Amino acid sequence: MKYREDGEYSIDNNIAERNVRPFTVDRKNTMTFGSEEGIDCAATYHTIIQTCRMMGVKVLKYLQSFFKKFSEGCRDYAQMLPGQLAID
């Protein structure tokens, strides 16, 4: 109801729904995971992909930069997040 009081709030939540859609569509497939590690891996993967998309970072370029830094021995993962890593 905040949109009634403040004109800057949107009446719909399409942005949030679009960002959640890949997770809800993939929910059916996650029921077939054989382990909790598989679920954690998929959740991490989808989180990184969606974060890149929300920040306007090209996913392939990010992954290339990430694995390049990883192969060089960098293990400071906080500095390798989509908003932190320098992308070539």
PDB file of N, CA and C in Angstrom:
ATOM      1  N   MET A   1       0.808  -1.203   0.000  1.00  0.00           N
ATOM      2  CA  MET A   1       0.000   0.000   0.000  1.00  0.00           C
ATOM      3  C   MET A   1       0.849   1.264   0.000  1.00  0.00           C
ATOM      4  N   LYS A   2       2.173   1.109   0.093  1.00  0.00           N
ATOM      5  CA  LYS A   2       3.053   2.273   0.110  1.00  0.00           C
ATOM      6  C   LYS A   2       2.968   3.066  -1.187  1.00  0.00           C
ATOM      7  N   TYR A   3       2.633   2.408  -2.300  1.00  0.00           N
ATOM      8  CA  TYR A   3       2.560   3.125  -3.569  1.00  0.00           C
ATOM      9  C   TYR A   3       1.459   4.185  -3.552  1.00  0.00           C
ATOM     10  N   ARG A   4       0.491   4.029  -2.677  1.00  0.00           N
ATOM     11  CA  ARG A   4      -0.566   5.049  -2.554  1.00  0.00           C
ATOM     12  C   ARG A   4      -0.048   6.320  -1.899  1.00  0.00           C
ATOM     13  N   GLU A   5       0.874   6.147  -0.944  1.00  0.00           N
ATOM     14  CA  GLU A   5       1.392   7.278  -0.185  1.00  0.00           C
ATOM     15  C   GLU A   5       2.549   7.992  -0.887  1.00  0.00           C
ATOM     16  N   ASP A   6       3.329   7.230  -1.664  1.00  0.00           N
ATOM     17  CA  ASP A   6       4.517   7.789  -2.301  1.00  0.00           C
ATOM     18  C   ASP A   6       4.482   7.449  -3.787  1.00  0.00           C
ATOM     19  N   GLY A   7       4.501   8.447  -4.627  1.00  0.00           N
ATOM     20  CA  GLY A   7       4.396   8.237  -6.071  1.00  0.00           C
ATOM     21  C   GLY A   7       5.603   7.572  -6.709  1.00  0.00           C
ATOM     22  N   GLU A   8       6.701   7.429  -5.964  1.00  0.00           N
ATOM     23  CA  GLU A   8       7.889   6.792  -6.527  1.00  0.00           C
ATOM     24  C   GLU A   8       7.819   5.273  -6.489  1.00  0.00           C
ATOM     25  N   TYR A   9       6.929   4.717  -5.683  1.00  0.00           N
ATOM     26  CA  TYR A   9       6.780   3.264  -5.625  1.00  0.00           C
ATOM     27  C   TYR A   9       5.946   2.787  -6.805  1.00  0.00           C
ATOM     28  N   SER A  10       6.346   1.637  -7.339  1.00  0.00           N
ATOM     29  CA  SER A  10       5.611   1.053  -8.455  1.00  0.00           C
ATOM     30  C   SER A  10       4.447   0.214  -7.922  1.00  0.00           C
ATOM     31  N   ILE A  11       3.367   0.176  -8.693  1.00  0.00           N
ATOM     32  CA  ILE A  11       2.203  -0.609  -8.282  1.00  0.00           C
ATOM     33  C   ILE A  11       2.416  -2.099  -8.566  1.00  0.00           C
ATOM     34  N   ASP A  12       3.342  -2.418  -9.452  1.00  0.00           N
ATOM     35  CA  ASP A  12       3.595  -3.836  -9.756  1.00  0.00           C
ATOM     36  C   ASP A  12       4.997  -4.239  -9.305  1.00  0.00           C
ATOM     37  N   ASN A  13       5.265  -5.531  -9.344  1.00  0.00           N
ATOM     38  CA  ASN A  13       6.577  -6.035  -8.963  1.00  0.00           C
ATOM     39  C   ASN A  13       7.145  -6.924 -10.071  1.00  0.00           C
ATOM     40  N   ASN A  14       6.972  -6.514 -11.319  1.00  0.00           N
ATOM     41  CA  ASN A  14       7.426  -7.312 -12.451  1.00  0.00           C
ATOM     42  C   ASN A  14       8.929  -7.566 -12.429  1.00  0.00           C
ATOM     43  N   ILE A  15       9.718  -6.600 -11.987  1.00  0.00           N
ATOM     44  CA  ILE A  15      11.172  -6.792 -11.949  1.00  0.00           C
ATOM     45  C   ILE A  15      11.521  -7.943 -11.014  1.00  0.00           C
ATOM     46  N   ALA A  16      10.932  -7.956  -9.837  1.00  0.00           N
ATOM     47  CA  ALA A  16      11.195  -9.037  -8.884  1.00  0.00           C
ATOM     48  C   ALA A  16      10.712 -10.375  -9.426  1.00  0.00           C
ATOM     49  N   GLU A  17       9.553 -10.392 -10.051  1.00  0.00           N
ATOM     50  CA  GLU A  17       9.024 -11.637 -10.589  1.00  0.00           C
ATOM     51  C   GLU A  17       9.892 -12.177 -11.730  1.00  0.00           C
ATOM     52  N   ARG A  18      10.411 -11.297 -12.571  1.00  0.00           N
ATOM     53  CA  ARG A  18      11.291 -11.744 -13.660  1.00  0.00           C
ATOM     54  C   ARG A  18      12.592 -12.324 -13.118  1.00  0.00           C
ATOM     55  N   ASN A  19      13.104 -11.772 -12.024  1.00  0.00           N
ATOM     56  CA  ASN A  19      14.344 -12.273 -11.448  1.00  0.00           C
ATOM     57  C   ASN A  19      14.151 -13.597 -10.723  1.00  0.00           C
ATOM     58  N   VAL A  20      12.956 -13.865 -10.244  1.00  0.00           N
ATOM     59  CA  VAL A  20      12.678 -15.108  -9.530  1.00  0.00           C
ATOM     60  C   VAL A  20      12.284 -16.235 -10.494  1.00  0.00           C
ATOM     61  N   ARG A  21      11.802 -15.891 -11.669  1.00  0.00           N
ATOM     62  CA  ARG A  21      11.292 -16.885 -12.613  1.00  0.00           C
ATOM     63  C   ARG A  21      12.263 -18.038 -12.903  1.00  0.00           C
ATOM     64  N   PRO A  22      13.566 -17.780 -13.172  1.00  0.00           N
ATOM     65  CA  PRO A  22      14.459 -18.922 -13.444  1.00  0.00           C
ATOM     66  C   PRO A  22      14.505 -19.921 -12.301  1.00  0.00           C
ATOM     67  N   PHE A  23      14.414 -19.439 -11.062  1.00  0.00           N
ATOM     68  CA  PHE A  23      14.447 -20.349  -9.923  1.00  0.00           C
ATOM     69  C   PHE A  23      13.172 -21.180  -9.836  1.00  0.00           C
ATOM     70  N   THR A  24      12.034 -20.549 -10.125  1.00  0.00           N
ATOM     71  CA  THR A  24      10.783 -21.298 -10.030  1.00  0.00           C
ATOM     72  C   THR A  24      10.640 -22.279 -11.185  1.00  0.00           C
ATOM     73  N   VAL A  25      11.131 -21.914 -12.347  1.00  0.00           N
ATOM     74  CA  VAL A  25      11.081 -22.836 -13.486  1.00  0.00           C
ATOM     75  C   VAL A  25      12.014 -24.017 -13.233  1.00  0.00           C
ATOM     76  N   ASP A  26      13.150 -23.746 -12.618  1.00  0.00           N
ATOM     77  CA  ASP A  26      14.141 -24.796 -12.363  1.00  0.00           C
ATOM     78  C   ASP A  26      13.795 -25.656 -11.149  1.00  0.00           C
ATOM     79  N   ARG A  27      12.799 -25.252 -10.384  1.00  0.00           N
ATOM     80  CA  ARG A  27      12.438 -25.975  -9.165  1.00  0.00           C
ATOM     81  C   ARG A  27      12.117 -27.438  -9.448  1.00  0.00           C
ATOM     82  N   LYS A  28      11.419 -27.693 -10.543  1.00  0.00           N
ATOM     83  CA  LYS A  28      11.054 -29.067 -10.881  1.00  0.00           C
ATOM     84  C   LYS A  28      12.301 -29.928 -11.079  1.00  0.00           C
ATOM     85  N   ASN A  29      13.329 -29.369 -11.696  1.00  0.00           N
ATOM     86  CA  ASN A  29      14.553 -30.121 -11.950  1.00  0.00           C
ATOM     87  C   ASN A  29      15.356 -30.366 -10.681  1.00  0.00           C
ATOM     88  N   THR A  30      15.246 -29.480  -9.701  1.00  0.00           N
ATOM     89  CA  THR A  30      16.039 -29.640  -8.490  1.00  0.00           C
ATOM     90  C   THR A  30      15.555 -30.798  -7.623  1.00  0.00           C
ATOM     91  N   MET A  31      14.373 -31.280  -7.862  1.00  0.00           N
ATOM     92  CA  MET A  31      13.874 -32.412  -7.081  1.00  0.00           C
ATOM     93  C   MET A  31      14.627 -33.698  -7.406  1.00  0.00           C
ATOM     94  N   THR A  32      15.374 -33.704  -8.507  1.00  0.00           N
ATOM     95  CA  THR A  32      16.090 -34.905  -8.911  1.00  0.00           C
ATOM     96  C   THR A  32      17.554 -34.886  -8.496  1.00  0.00           C
ATOM     97  N   PHE A  33      17.998 -33.841  -7.757  1.00  0.00           N
ATOM     98  CA  PHE A  33      19.385 -33.810  -7.304  1.00  0.00           C
ATOM     99  C   PHE A  33      19.634 -34.964  -6.363  1.00  0.00           C
ATOM    100  N   GLY A  34      20.826 -35.544  -6.465  1.00  0.00           N
ATOM    101  CA  GLY A  34      21.155 -36.689  -5.634  1.00  0.00           C
ATOM    102  C   GLY A  34      21.801 -36.338  -4.315  1.00  0.00           C
ATOM    103  N   SER A  35      22.178 -35.071  -4.135  1.00  0.00           N
ATOM    104  CA  SER A  35      22.859 -34.704  -2.896  1.00  0.00           C
ATOM    105  C   SER A  35      22.634 -33.235  -2.568  1.00  0.00           C
ATOM    106  N   GLU A  36      22.938 -32.893  -1.335  1.00  0.00           N
ATOM    107  CA  GLU A  36      22.840 -31.492  -0.924  1.00  0.00           C
ATOM    108  C   GLU A  36      23.920 -30.655  -1.603  1.00  0.00           C
ATOM    109  N   GLU A  37      25.067 -31.274  -1.909  1.00  0.00           N
ATOM    110  CA  GLU A  37      26.136 -30.552  -2.593  1.00  0.00           C
ATOM    111  C   GLU A  37      25.688 -30.103  -3.985  1.00  0.00           C
ATOM    112  N   GLY A  38      24.911 -30.940  -4.655  1.00  0.00           N
ATOM    113  CA  GLY A  38      24.381 -30.582  -5.964  1.00  0.00           C
ATOM    114  C   GLY A  38      23.423 -29.405  -5.884  1.00  0.00           C
ATOM    115  N   ILE A  39      22.616 -29.390  -4.851  1.00  0.00           N
ATOM    116  CA  ILE A  39      21.676 -28.284  -4.643  1.00  0.00           C
ATOM    117  C   ILE A  39      22.438 -27.000  -4.355  1.00  0.00           C
ATOM    118  N   ASP A  40      23.463 -27.086  -3.491  1.00  0.00           N
ATOM    119  CA  ASP A  40      24.272 -25.903  -3.182  1.00  0.00           C
ATOM    120  C   ASP A  40      24.981 -25.374  -4.424  1.00  0.00           C
ATOM    121  N   CYS A  41      25.490 -26.270  -5.240  1.00  0.00           N
ATOM    122  CA  CYS A  41      26.182 -25.878  -6.464  1.00  0.00           C
ATOM    123  C   CYS A  41      25.226 -25.158  -7.415  1.00  0.00           C
ATOM    124  N   ALA A  42      24.038 -25.700  -7.602  1.00  0.00           N
ATOM    125  CA  ALA A  42      23.053 -25.075  -8.491  1.00  0.00           C
ATOM    126  C   ALA A  42      22.603 -23.719  -7.959  1.00  0.00           C
ATOM    127  N   ALA A  43      22.413 -23.614  -6.659  1.00  0.00           N
ATOM    128  CA  ALA A  43      21.999 -22.340  -6.069  1.00  0.00           C
ATOM    129  C   ALA A  43      23.080 -21.285  -6.258  1.00  0.00           C
ATOM    130  N   THR A  44      24.332 -21.672  -6.064  1.00  0.00           N
ATOM    131  CA  THR A  44      25.448 -20.740  -6.271  1.00  0.00           C
ATOM    132  C   THR A  44      25.521 -20.302  -7.719  1.00  0.00           C
ATOM    133  N   TYR A  45      25.411 -21.253  -8.636  1.00  0.00           N
ATOM    134  CA  TYR A  45      25.455 -20.956 -10.065  1.00  0.00           C
ATOM    135  C   TYR A  45      24.351 -19.968 -10.454  1.00  0.00           C
ATOM    136  N   HIS A  46      23.132 -20.246 -10.065  1.00  0.00           N
ATOM    137  CA  HIS A  46      22.012 -19.373 -10.433  1.00  0.00           C
ATOM    138  C   HIS A  46      22.144 -17.989  -9.787  1.00  0.00           C
ATOM    139  N   THR A  47      22.662 -17.943  -8.572  1.00  0.00           N
ATOM    140  CA  THR A  47      22.856 -16.662  -7.903  1.00  0.00           C
ATOM    141  C   THR A  47      23.866 -15.806  -8.647  1.00  0.00           C
ATOM    142  N   ILE A  48      24.967 -16.404  -9.060  1.00  0.00           N
ATOM    143  CA  ILE A  48      25.988 -15.655  -9.799  1.00  0.00           C
ATOM    144  C   ILE A  48      25.451 -15.175 -11.136  1.00  0.00           C
ATOM    145  N   ILE A  49      24.757 -16.033 -11.848  1.00  0.00           N
ATOM    146  CA  ILE A  49      24.208 -15.664 -13.154  1.00  0.00           C
ATOM    147  C   ILE A  49      23.216 -14.507 -13.007  1.00  0.00           C
ATOM    148  N   GLN A  50      22.309 -14.600 -12.055  1.00  0.00           N
ATOM    149  CA  GLN A  50      21.315 -13.542 -11.871  1.00  0.00           C
ATOM    150  C   GLN A  50      21.956 -12.245 -11.392  1.00  0.00           C
ATOM    151  N   THR A  51      22.982 -12.340 -10.554  1.00  0.00           N
ATOM    152  CA  THR A  51      23.676 -11.140 -10.093  1.00  0.00           C
ATOM    153  C   THR A  51      24.342 -10.434 -11.264  1.00  0.00           C
ATOM    154  N   CYS A  52      24.988 -11.201 -12.130  1.00  0.00           N
ATOM    155  CA  CYS A  52      25.605 -10.606 -13.326  1.00  0.00           C
ATOM    156  C   CYS A  52      24.546  -9.906 -14.173  1.00  0.00           C
ATOM    157  N   ARG A  53      23.433 -10.561 -14.402  1.00  0.00           N
ATOM    158  CA  ARG A  53      22.372  -9.968 -15.227  1.00  0.00           C
ATOM    159  C   ARG A  53      21.820  -8.696 -14.610  1.00  0.00           C
ATOM    160  N   MET A  54      21.597  -8.713 -13.298  1.00  0.00           N
ATOM    161  CA  MET A  54      21.047  -7.534 -12.633  1.00  0.00           C
ATOM    162  C   MET A  54      22.019  -6.363 -12.663  1.00  0.00           C
ATOM    163  N   MET A  55      23.333  -6.664 -12.655  1.00  0.00           N
ATOM    164  CA  MET A  55      24.339  -5.607 -12.658  1.00  0.00           C
ATOM    165  C   MET A  55      24.733  -5.186 -14.068  1.00  0.00           C
ATOM    166  N   GLY A  56      24.199  -5.860 -15.077  1.00  0.00           N
ATOM    167  CA  GLY A  56      24.533  -5.515 -16.457  1.00  0.00           C
ATOM    168  C   GLY A  56      25.889  -6.032 -16.898  1.00  0.00           C
ATOM    169  N   VAL A  57      26.405  -7.046 -16.202  1.00  0.00           N
ATOM    170  CA  VAL A  57      27.695  -7.641 -16.537  1.00  0.00           C
ATOM    171  C   VAL A  57      27.447  -8.842 -17.442  1.00  0.00           C
ATOM    172  N   LYS A  58      28.204  -8.941 -18.525  1.00  0.00           N
ATOM    173  CA  LYS A  58      28.062 -10.091 -19.417  1.00  0.00           C
ATOM    174  C   LYS A  58      28.569 -11.346 -18.697  1.00  0.00           C
ATOM    175  N   VAL A  59      27.708 -12.354 -18.626  1.00  0.00           N
ATOM    176  CA  VAL A  59      27.988 -13.555 -17.840  1.00  0.00           C
ATOM    177  C   VAL A  59      29.233 -14.270 -18.348  1.00  0.00           C
ATOM    178  N   LEU A  60      29.358 -14.445 -19.653  1.00  0.00           N
ATOM    179  CA  LEU A  60      30.512 -15.157 -20.214  1.00  0.00           C
ATOM    180  C   LEU A  60      31.811 -14.411 -19.898  1.00  0.00           C
ATOM    181  N   LYS A  61      31.809 -13.104 -20.051  1.00  0.00           N
ATOM    182  CA  LYS A  61      33.005 -12.309 -19.749  1.00  0.00           C
ATOM    183  C   LYS A  61      33.371 -12.421 -18.266  1.00  0.00           C
ATOM    184  N   TYR A  62      32.355 -12.391 -17.412  1.00  0.00           N
ATOM    185  CA  TYR A  62      32.620 -12.529 -15.978  1.00  0.00           C
ATOM    186  C   TYR A  62      33.243 -13.886 -15.672  1.00  0.00           C
ATOM    187  N   LEU A  63      32.646 -14.952 -16.200  1.00  0.00           N
ATOM    188  CA  LEU A  63      33.172 -16.290 -15.922  1.00  0.00           C
ATOM    189  C   LEU A  63      34.589 -16.457 -16.466  1.00  0.00           C
ATOM    190  N   GLN A  64      34.868 -15.884 -17.639  1.00  0.00           N
ATOM    191  CA  GLN A  64      36.226 -15.947 -18.184  1.00  0.00           C
ATOM    192  C   GLN A  64      37.217 -15.247 -17.256  1.00  0.00           C
ATOM    193  N   SER A  65      36.850 -14.062 -16.782  1.00  0.00           N
ATOM    194  CA  SER A  65      37.731 -13.319 -15.868  1.00  0.00           C
ATOM    195  C   SER A  65      37.887 -14.052 -14.538  1.00  0.00           C
ATOM    196  N   PHE A  66      36.789 -14.605 -14.044  1.00  0.00           N
ATOM    197  CA  PHE A  66      36.830 -15.335 -12.778  1.00  0.00           C
ATOM    198  C   PHE A  66      37.794 -16.516 -12.867  1.00  0.00           C
ATOM    199  N   PHE A  67      37.639 -17.340 -13.890  1.00  0.00           N
ATOM    200  CA  PHE A  67      38.478 -18.532 -13.985  1.00  0.00           C
ATOM    201  C   PHE A  67      39.927 -18.193 -14.338  1.00  0.00           C
ATOM    202  N   LYS A  68      40.154 -17.075 -15.001  1.00  0.00           N
ATOM    203  CA  LYS A  68      41.519 -16.632 -15.252  1.00  0.00           C
ATOM    204  C   LYS A  68      42.195 -16.284 -13.930  1.00  0.00           C
ATOM    205  N   LYS A  69      41.504 -15.493 -13.081  1.00  0.00           N
ATOM    206  CA  LYS A  69      42.053 -15.140 -11.769  1.00  0.00           C
ATOM    207  C   LYS A  69      42.217 -16.381 -10.900  1.00  0.00           C
ATOM    208  N   PHE A  70      41.258 -17.304 -10.987  1.00  0.00           N
ATOM    209  CA  PHE A  70      41.318 -18.527 -10.196  1.00  0.00           C
ATOM    210  C   PHE A  70      42.531 -19.358 -10.594  1.00  0.00           C
ATOM    211  N   SER A  71      42.782 -19.463 -11.910  1.00  0.00           N
ATOM    212  CA  SER A  71      43.925 -20.252 -12.377  1.00  0.00           C
ATOM    213  C   SER A  71      45.257 -19.595 -12.029  1.00  0.00           C
ATOM    214  N   GLU A  72      45.233 -18.281 -11.799  1.00  0.00           N
ATOM    215  CA  GLU A  72      46.442 -17.565 -11.383  1.00  0.00           C
ATOM    216  C   GLU A  72      46.691 -17.712  -9.889  1.00  0.00           C
ATOM    217  N   GLY A  73      45.776 -18.365  -9.188  1.00  0.00           N
ATOM    218  CA  GLY A  73      45.965 -18.636  -7.767  1.00  0.00           C
ATOM    219  C   GLY A  73      45.172 -17.759  -6.829  1.00  0.00           C
ATOM    220  N   CYS A  74      44.359 -16.871  -7.334  1.00  0.00           N
ATOM    221  CA  CYS A  74      43.563 -15.989  -6.476  1.00  0.00           C
ATOM    222  C   CYS A  74      42.450 -16.809  -5.807  1.00  0.00           C
ATOM    223  N   ARG A  75      42.380 -16.711  -4.484  1.00  0.00           N
ATOM    224  CA  ARG A  75      41.332 -17.410  -3.741  1.00  0.00           C
ATOM    225  C   ARG A  75      40.540 -16.453  -2.863  1.00  0.00           C
ATOM    226  N   ASP A  76      40.696 -15.145  -3.085  1.00  0.00           N
ATOM    227  CA  ASP A  76      39.939 -14.139  -2.349  1.00  0.00           C
ATOM    228  C   ASP A  76      38.612 -13.939  -3.082  1.00  0.00           C
ATOM    229  N   TYR A  77      37.644 -14.789  -2.765  1.00  0.00           N
ATOM    230  CA  TYR A  77      36.398 -14.819  -3.517  1.00  0.00           C
ATOM    231  C   TYR A  77      35.574 -13.545  -3.362  1.00  0.00           C
ATOM    232  N   ALA A  78      35.734 -12.844  -2.257  1.00  0.00           N
ATOM    233  CA  ALA A  78      35.009 -11.579  -2.078  1.00  0.00           C
ATOM    234  C   ALA A  78      35.443 -10.551  -3.113  1.00  0.00           C
ATOM    235  N   GLN A  79      36.694 -10.618  -3.546  1.00  0.00           N
ATOM    236  CA  GLN A  79      37.199  -9.697  -4.563  1.00  0.00           C
ATOM    237  C   GLN A  79      36.892 -10.187  -5.981  1.00  0.00           C
ATOM    238  N   MET A  80      36.326 -11.385  -6.084  1.00  0.00           N
ATOM    239  CA  MET A  80      36.036 -11.968  -7.400  1.00  0.00           C
ATOM    240  C   MET A  80      34.531 -11.998  -7.686  1.00  0.00           C
ATOM    241  N   LEU A  81      33.733 -11.271  -6.920  1.00  0.00           N
ATOM    242  CA  LEU A  81      32.294 -11.189  -7.163  1.00  0.00           C
ATOM    243  C   LEU A  81      32.020 -10.354  -8.406  1.00  0.00           C
ATOM    244  N   PRO A  82      30.840 -10.500  -9.008  1.00  0.00           N
ATOM    245  CA  PRO A  82      30.544  -9.777 -10.259  1.00  0.00           C
ATOM    246  C   PRO A  82      30.754  -8.272 -10.207  1.00  0.00           C
ATOM    247  N   GLY A  83      30.519  -7.616  -9.109  1.00  0.00           N
ATOM    248  CA  GLY A  83      30.710  -6.187  -9.029  1.00  0.00           C
ATOM    249  C   GLY A  83      32.135  -5.767  -8.700  1.00  0.00           C
ATOM    250  N   GLN A  84      32.955  -6.697  -8.263  1.00  0.00           N
ATOM    251  CA  GLN A  84      34.305  -6.389  -7.806  1.00  0.00           C
ATOM    252  C   GLN A  84      35.397  -6.725  -8.829  1.00  0.00           C
ATOM    253  N   LEU A  85      35.184  -7.745  -9.620  1.00  0.00           N
ATOM    254  CA  LEU A  85      36.217  -8.267 -10.523  1.00  0.00           C
ATOM    255  C   LEU A  85      36.334  -7.387 -11.759  1.00  0.00           C
ATOM    256  N   ALA A  86      37.561  -7.024 -12.099  1.00  0.00           N
ATOM    257  CA  ALA A  86      37.795  -6.249 -13.327  1.00  0.00           C
ATOM    258  C   ALA A  86      37.639  -7.180 -14.519  1.00  0.00           C
ATOM    259  N   ILE A  87      36.771  -6.808 -15.428  1.00  0.00           N
ATOM    260  CA  ILE A  87      36.477  -7.649 -16.591  1.00  0.00           C
ATOM    261  C   ILE A  87      37.166  -7.062 -17.815  1.00  0.00           C
ATOM    262  N   ASP A  88      37.922  -7.908 -18.505  1.00  0.00           N
ATOM    263  CA  ASP A  88      38.648  -7.466 -19.704  1.00  0.00           C
ATOM    264  C   ASP A  88      37.704  -7.230 -20.852  1.00  0.00           C
TER     265      ASP A  88
END
